[in-house]
Amino acid sequence: VGAAGLVERSARARAWMGLAYGVGMALI
């Protein structure tokens, strides 16, 4: 997600990255 956040700026991608970030944090 961090790497994707450096290269992708679209609103749709950011929404998916937000979801993936939440899942990653939950796993940790």
PDB file of all heavy atoms in Angstrom:
ATOM      1  N   VAL A   1       0.841  -1.204   0.000  1.00  0.00           N
ATOM      2  CA  VAL A   1       0.000   0.000   0.000  1.00  0.00           C
ATOM      3  C   VAL A   1       0.874   1.250   0.000  1.00  0.00           C
ATOM      4  O   VAL A   1       0.595   2.214  -0.721  1.00  0.00           O
ATOM      5  CB  VAL A   1      -0.963   0.005   1.207  1.00  0.00           C
ATOM      6  CG1 VAL A   1      -1.634   1.358   1.380  1.00  0.00           C
ATOM      7  CG2 VAL A   1      -2.014  -1.080   1.047  1.00  0.00           C
ATOM      8  N   GLY A   2       1.939   1.234   0.773  1.00  0.00           N
ATOM      9  CA  GLY A   2       2.842   2.390   0.800  1.00  0.00           C
ATOM     10  C   GLY A   2       3.476   2.642  -0.553  1.00  0.00           C
ATOM     11  O   GLY A   2       3.540   3.789  -1.016  1.00  0.00           O
ATOM     12  N   ALA A   3       3.928   1.580  -1.210  1.00  0.00           N
ATOM     13  CA  ALA A   3       4.525   1.728  -2.539  1.00  0.00           C
ATOM     14  C   ALA A   3       3.485   2.206  -3.547  1.00  0.00           C
ATOM     15  O   ALA A   3       3.760   3.093  -4.367  1.00  0.00           O
ATOM     16  CB  ALA A   3       5.141   0.407  -2.987  1.00  0.00           C
ATOM     17  N   ALA A   4       2.286   1.642  -3.479  1.00  0.00           N
ATOM     18  CA  ALA A   4       1.220   2.049  -4.400  1.00  0.00           C
ATOM     19  C   ALA A   4       0.840   3.503  -4.173  1.00  0.00           C
ATOM     20  O   ALA A   4       0.548   4.234  -5.130  1.00  0.00           O
ATOM     21  CB  ALA A   4      -0.003   1.144  -4.233  1.00  0.00           C
ATOM     22  N   GLY A   5       0.872   3.946  -2.932  1.00  0.00           N
ATOM     23  CA  GLY A   5       0.537   5.330  -2.616  1.00  0.00           C
ATOM     24  C   GLY A   5       1.526   6.327  -3.193  1.00  0.00           C
ATOM     25  O   GLY A   5       1.187   7.488  -3.419  1.00  0.00           O
ATOM     26  N   LEU A   6       2.739   5.875  -3.441  1.00  0.00           N
ATOM     27  CA  LEU A   6       3.746   6.756  -4.031  1.00  0.00           C
ATOM     28  C   LEU A   6       3.515   6.977  -5.523  1.00  0.00           C
ATOM     29  O   LEU A   6       3.930   8.000  -6.069  1.00  0.00           O
ATOM     30  CB  LEU A   6       5.148   6.183  -3.814  1.00  0.00           C
ATOM     31  CG  LEU A   6       5.632   6.144  -2.370  1.00  0.00           C
ATOM     32  CD1 LEU A   6       6.956   5.404  -2.284  1.00  0.00           C
ATOM     33  CD2 LEU A   6       5.761   7.553  -1.806  1.00  0.00           C
ATOM     34  N   VAL A   7       2.873   6.020  -6.183  1.00  0.00           N
ATOM     35  CA  VAL A   7       2.733   6.117  -7.635  1.00  0.00           C
ATOM     36  C   VAL A   7       1.300   6.331  -8.107  1.00  0.00           C
ATOM     37  O   VAL A   7       1.086   6.825  -9.202  1.00  0.00           O
ATOM     38  CB  VAL A   7       3.316   4.867  -8.338  1.00  0.00           C
ATOM     39  CG1 VAL A   7       4.801   4.752  -8.077  1.00  0.00           C
ATOM     40  CG2 VAL A   7       2.609   3.597  -7.900  1.00  0.00           C
ATOM     41  N   GLU A   8       0.322   5.980  -7.322  1.00  0.00           N
ATOM     42  CA  GLU A   8      -1.079   6.053  -7.745  1.00  0.00           C
ATOM     43  C   GLU A   8      -1.797   7.160  -6.992  1.00  0.00           C
ATOM     44  O   GLU A   8      -1.739   7.215  -5.773  1.00  0.00           O
ATOM     45  CB  GLU A   8      -1.765   4.720  -7.493  1.00  0.00           C
ATOM     46  CG  GLU A   8      -3.166   4.637  -8.003  1.00  0.00           C
ATOM     47  CD  GLU A   8      -3.289   4.908  -9.490  1.00  0.00           C
ATOM     48  OE1 GLU A   8      -2.612   4.239 -10.287  1.00  0.00           O
ATOM     49  OE2 GLU A   8      -4.078   5.809  -9.845  1.00  0.00           O
ATOM     50  N   ARG A   9      -2.486   8.026  -7.718  1.00  0.00           N
ATOM     51  CA  ARG A   9      -3.140   9.170  -7.093  1.00  0.00           C
ATOM     52  C   ARG A   9      -4.652   9.230  -7.330  1.00  0.00           C
ATOM     53  O   ARG A   9      -5.310  10.124  -6.825  1.00  0.00           O
ATOM     54  CB  ARG A   9      -2.523  10.469  -7.612  1.00  0.00           C
ATOM     55  CG  ARG A   9      -1.039  10.561  -7.388  1.00  0.00           C
ATOM     56  CD  ARG A   9      -0.760  11.259  -6.095  1.00  0.00           C
ATOM     57  NE  ARG A   9       0.679  11.472  -5.968  1.00  0.00           N
ATOM     58  CZ  ARG A   9       1.356  11.128  -4.906  1.00  0.00           C
ATOM     59  NH1 ARG A   9       0.747  10.578  -3.890  1.00  0.00           N
ATOM     60  NH2 ARG A   9       2.630  11.340  -4.826  1.00  0.00           N
ATOM     61  N   SER A  10      -5.213   8.308  -8.093  1.00  0.00           N
ATOM     62  CA  SER A  10      -6.647   8.399  -8.402  1.00  0.00           C
ATOM     63  C   SER A  10      -7.482   8.124  -7.155  1.00  0.00           C
ATOM     64  O   SER A  10      -7.071   7.400  -6.250  1.00  0.00           O
ATOM     65  CB  SER A  10      -7.019   7.417  -9.513  1.00  0.00           C
ATOM     66  OG  SER A  10      -7.021   6.083  -9.026  1.00  0.00           O
ATOM     67  N   ALA A  11      -8.673   8.709  -7.130  1.00  0.00           N
ATOM     68  CA  ALA A  11      -9.570   8.544  -5.981  1.00  0.00           C
ATOM     69  C   ALA A  11      -9.976   7.083  -5.810  1.00  0.00           C
ATOM     70  O   ALA A  11     -10.062   6.588  -4.682  1.00  0.00           O
ATOM     71  CB  ALA A  11     -10.795   9.426  -6.153  1.00  0.00           C
ATOM     72  N   ARG A  12     -10.225   6.403  -6.896  1.00  0.00           N
ATOM     73  CA  ARG A  12     -10.625   4.993  -6.816  1.00  0.00           C
ATOM     74  C   ARG A  12      -9.506   4.140  -6.220  1.00  0.00           C
ATOM     75  O   ARG A  12      -9.738   3.305  -5.349  1.00  0.00           O
ATOM     76  CB  ARG A  12     -11.013   4.487  -8.193  1.00  0.00           C
ATOM     77  CG  ARG A  12     -11.505   3.072  -8.173  1.00  0.00           C
ATOM     78  CD  ARG A  12     -11.948   2.627  -9.542  1.00  0.00           C
ATOM     79  NE  ARG A  12     -12.369   1.240  -9.455  1.00  0.00           N
ATOM     80  CZ  ARG A  12     -13.202   0.688 -10.255  1.00  0.00           C
ATOM     81  NH1 ARG A  12     -13.728   1.369 -11.240  1.00  0.00           N
ATOM     82  NH2 ARG A  12     -13.530  -0.579 -10.118  1.00  0.00           N
ATOM     83  N   ALA A  13      -8.281   4.355  -6.687  1.00  0.00           N
ATOM     84  CA  ALA A  13      -7.145   3.599  -6.161  1.00  0.00           C
ATOM     85  C   ALA A  13      -6.931   3.914  -4.682  1.00  0.00           C
ATOM     86  O   ALA A  13      -6.632   3.025  -3.892  1.00  0.00           O
ATOM     87  CB  ALA A  13      -5.880   3.915  -6.959  1.00  0.00           C
ATOM     88  N   ARG A  14      -7.092   5.170  -4.308  1.00  0.00           N
ATOM     89  CA  ARG A  14      -6.918   5.538  -2.896  1.00  0.00           C
ATOM     90  C   ARG A  14      -7.962   4.879  -2.013  1.00  0.00           C
ATOM     91  O   ARG A  14      -7.674   4.520  -0.883  1.00  0.00           O
ATOM     92  CB  ARG A  14      -6.948   7.054  -2.731  1.00  0.00           C
ATOM     93  CG  ARG A  14      -5.684   7.706  -3.240  1.00  0.00           C
ATOM     94  CD  ARG A  14      -5.725   9.209  -3.004  1.00  0.00           C
ATOM     95  NE  ARG A  14      -4.467   9.791  -3.378  1.00  0.00           N
ATOM     96  CZ  ARG A  14      -3.477  10.029  -2.519  1.00  0.00           C
ATOM     97  NH1 ARG A  14      -3.608   9.734  -1.268  1.00  0.00           N
ATOM     98  NH2 ARG A  14      -2.355  10.565  -2.938  1.00  0.00           N
ATOM     99  N   ALA A  15      -9.173   4.709  -2.518  1.00  0.00           N
ATOM    100  CA  ALA A  15     -10.207   4.012  -1.744  1.00  0.00           C
ATOM    101  C   ALA A  15      -9.805   2.559  -1.509  1.00  0.00           C
ATOM    102  O   ALA A  15      -9.924   2.046  -0.390  1.00  0.00           O
ATOM    103  CB  ALA A  15     -11.551   4.088  -2.468  1.00  0.00           C
ATOM    104  N   TRP A  16      -9.312   1.897  -2.541  1.00  0.00           N
ATOM    105  CA  TRP A  16      -8.855   0.508  -2.391  1.00  0.00           C
ATOM    106  C   TRP A  16      -7.634   0.419  -1.489  1.00  0.00           C
ATOM    107  O   TRP A  16      -7.501  -0.514  -0.700  1.00  0.00           O
ATOM    108  CB  TRP A  16      -8.570  -0.117  -3.755  1.00  0.00           C
ATOM    109  CG  TRP A  16      -9.825  -0.516  -4.464  1.00  0.00           C
ATOM    110  CD1 TRP A  16     -10.398   0.113  -5.536  1.00  0.00           C
ATOM    111  CD2 TRP A  16     -10.685  -1.610  -4.127  1.00  0.00           C
ATOM    112  NE1 TRP A  16     -11.558  -0.529  -5.878  1.00  0.00           N
ATOM    113  CE2 TRP A  16     -11.753  -1.588  -5.034  1.00  0.00           C
ATOM    114  CE3 TRP A  16     -10.648  -2.595  -3.152  1.00  0.00           C
ATOM    115  CZ2 TRP A  16     -12.780  -2.520  -5.000  1.00  0.00           C
ATOM    116  CZ3 TRP A  16     -11.682  -3.529  -3.122  1.00  0.00           C
ATOM    117  CH2 TRP A  16     -12.730  -3.490  -4.030  1.00  0.00           C
ATOM    118  N   MET A  17      -6.742   1.417  -1.606  1.00  0.00           N
ATOM    119  CA  MET A  17      -5.567   1.421  -0.733  1.00  0.00           C
ATOM    120  C   MET A  17      -5.970   1.627   0.719  1.00  0.00           C
ATOM    121  O   MET A  17      -5.375   1.048   1.624  1.00  0.00           O
ATOM    122  CB  MET A  17      -4.570   2.498  -1.170  1.00  0.00           C
ATOM    123  CG  MET A  17      -3.812   2.146  -2.441  1.00  0.00           C
ATOM    124  SD  MET A  17      -2.504   3.319  -2.840  1.00  0.00           S
ATOM    125  CE  MET A  17      -3.442   4.670  -3.517  1.00  0.00           C
ATOM    126  N   GLY A  18      -6.990   2.441   0.952  1.00  0.00           N
ATOM    127  CA  GLY A  18      -7.490   2.642   2.316  1.00  0.00           C
ATOM    128  C   GLY A  18      -8.025   1.354   2.901  1.00  0.00           C
ATOM    129  O   GLY A  18      -7.754   1.023   4.065  1.00  0.00           O
ATOM    130  N   LEU A  19      -8.766   0.608   2.089  1.00  0.00           N
ATOM    131  CA  LEU A  19      -9.285  -0.684   2.536  1.00  0.00           C
ATOM    132  C   LEU A  19      -8.141  -1.654   2.823  1.00  0.00           C
ATOM    133  O   LEU A  19      -8.114  -2.301   3.873  1.00  0.00           O
ATOM    134  CB  LEU A  19     -10.222  -1.265   1.481  1.00  0.00           C
ATOM    135  CG  LEU A  19     -10.770  -2.656   1.777  1.00  0.00           C
ATOM    136  CD1 LEU A  19     -11.676  -2.625   2.997  1.00  0.00           C
ATOM    137  CD2 LEU A  19     -11.496  -3.202   0.568  1.00  0.00           C
ATOM    138  N   ALA A  20      -7.180  -1.732   1.908  1.00  0.00           N
ATOM    139  CA  ALA A  20      -6.043  -2.636   2.096  1.00  0.00           C
ATOM    140  C   ALA A  20      -5.210  -2.235   3.317  1.00  0.00           C
ATOM    141  O   ALA A  20      -4.727  -3.087   4.059  1.00  0.00           O
ATOM    142  CB  ALA A  20      -5.172  -2.652   0.837  1.00  0.00           C
ATOM    143  N   TYR A  21      -5.067  -0.930   3.533  1.00  0.00           N
ATOM    144  CA  TYR A  21      -4.338  -0.450   4.706  1.00  0.00           C
ATOM    145  C   TYR A  21      -5.032  -0.902   5.993  1.00  0.00           C
ATOM    146  O   TYR A  21      -4.388  -1.371   6.929  1.00  0.00           O
ATOM    147  CB  TYR A  21      -4.227   1.076   4.668  1.00  0.00           C
ATOM    148  CG  TYR A  21      -3.393   1.649   5.777  1.00  0.00           C
ATOM    149  CD1 TYR A  21      -2.027   1.768   5.644  1.00  0.00           C
ATOM    150  CD2 TYR A  21      -3.981   2.064   6.970  1.00  0.00           C
ATOM    151  CE1 TYR A  21      -1.255   2.287   6.669  1.00  0.00           C
ATOM    152  CE2 TYR A  21      -3.227   2.592   8.000  1.00  0.00           C
ATOM    153  CZ  TYR A  21      -1.868   2.696   7.841  1.00  0.00           C
ATOM    154  OH  TYR A  21      -1.115   3.203   8.864  1.00  0.00           O
ATOM    155  N   GLY A  22      -6.353  -0.764   6.034  1.00  0.00           N
ATOM    156  CA  GLY A  22      -7.106  -1.199   7.209  1.00  0.00           C
ATOM    157  C   GLY A  22      -6.971  -2.690   7.461  1.00  0.00           C
ATOM    158  O   GLY A  22      -6.819  -3.126   8.601  1.00  0.00           O
ATOM    159  N   VAL A  23      -7.021  -3.487   6.402  1.00  0.00           N
ATOM    160  CA  VAL A  23      -6.855  -4.937   6.549  1.00  0.00           C
ATOM    161  C   VAL A  23      -5.452  -5.256   7.058  1.00  0.00           C
ATOM    162  O   VAL A  23      -5.275  -6.070   7.970  1.00  0.00           O
ATOM    163  CB  VAL A  23      -7.131  -5.653   5.207  1.00  0.00           C
ATOM    164  CG1 VAL A  23      -6.716  -7.120   5.267  1.00  0.00           C
ATOM    165  CG2 VAL A  23      -8.598  -5.535   4.831  1.00  0.00           C
ATOM    166  N   GLY A  24      -4.445  -4.597   6.499  1.00  0.00           N
ATOM    167  CA  GLY A  24      -3.072  -4.825   6.948  1.00  0.00           C
ATOM    168  C   GLY A  24      -2.883  -4.471   8.416  1.00  0.00           C
ATOM    169  O   GLY A  24      -2.255  -5.218   9.171  1.00  0.00           O
ATOM    170  N   MET A  25      -3.436  -3.339   8.827  1.00  0.00           N
ATOM    171  CA  MET A  25      -3.337  -2.941  10.233  1.00  0.00           C
ATOM    172  C   MET A  25      -4.063  -3.935  11.137  1.00  0.00           C
ATOM    173  O   MET A  25      -3.585  -4.265  12.214  1.00  0.00           O
ATOM    174  CB  MET A  25      -3.898  -1.534  10.440  1.00  0.00           C
ATOM    175  CG  MET A  25      -2.993  -0.444   9.919  1.00  0.00           C
ATOM    176  SD  MET A  25      -1.362  -0.436  10.685  1.00  0.00           S
ATOM    177  CE  MET A  25      -1.773  -0.063  12.364  1.00  0.00           C
ATOM    178  N   ALA A  26      -5.212  -4.424  10.687  1.00  0.00           N
ATOM    179  CA  ALA A  26      -5.963  -5.404  11.478  1.00  0.00           C
ATOM    180  C   ALA A  26      -5.161  -6.683  11.656  1.00  0.00           C
ATOM    181  O   ALA A  26      -5.145  -7.275  12.739  1.00  0.00           O
ATOM    182  CB  ALA A  26      -7.303  -5.704  10.817  1.00  0.00           C
ATOM    183  N   LEU A  27      -4.480  -7.115  10.603  1.00  0.00           N
ATOM    184  CA  LEU A  27      -3.655  -8.323  10.694  1.00  0.00           C
ATOM    185  C   LEU A  27      -2.533  -8.145  11.711  1.00  0.00           C
ATOM    186  O   LEU A  27      -2.194  -9.067  12.450  1.00  0.00           O
ATOM    187  CB  LEU A  27      -3.075  -8.675   9.322  1.00  0.00           C
ATOM    188  CG  LEU A  27      -4.072  -9.186   8.285  1.00  0.00           C
ATOM    189  CD1 LEU A  27      -3.426  -9.214   6.905  1.00  0.00           C
ATOM    190  CD2 LEU A  27      -4.588 -10.556   8.675  1.00  0.00           C
ATOM    191  N   ILE A  28      -1.968  -6.961  11.760  1.00  0.00           N
ATOM    192  CA  ILE A  28      -0.880  -6.690  12.705  1.00  0.00           C
ATOM    193  C   ILE A  28      -1.409  -6.551  14.126  1.00  0.00           C
ATOM    194  O   ILE A  28      -0.897  -7.174  15.061  1.00  0.00           O
ATOM    195  CB  ILE A  28      -0.100  -5.428  12.287  1.00  0.00           C
ATOM    196  CG1 ILE A  28       0.605  -5.674  10.948  1.00  0.00           C
ATOM    197  CG2 ILE A  28       0.910  -5.024  13.357  1.00  0.00           C
ATOM    198  CD1 ILE A  28       1.172  -4.421  10.314  1.00  0.00           C
TER     199      ILE A  28
END
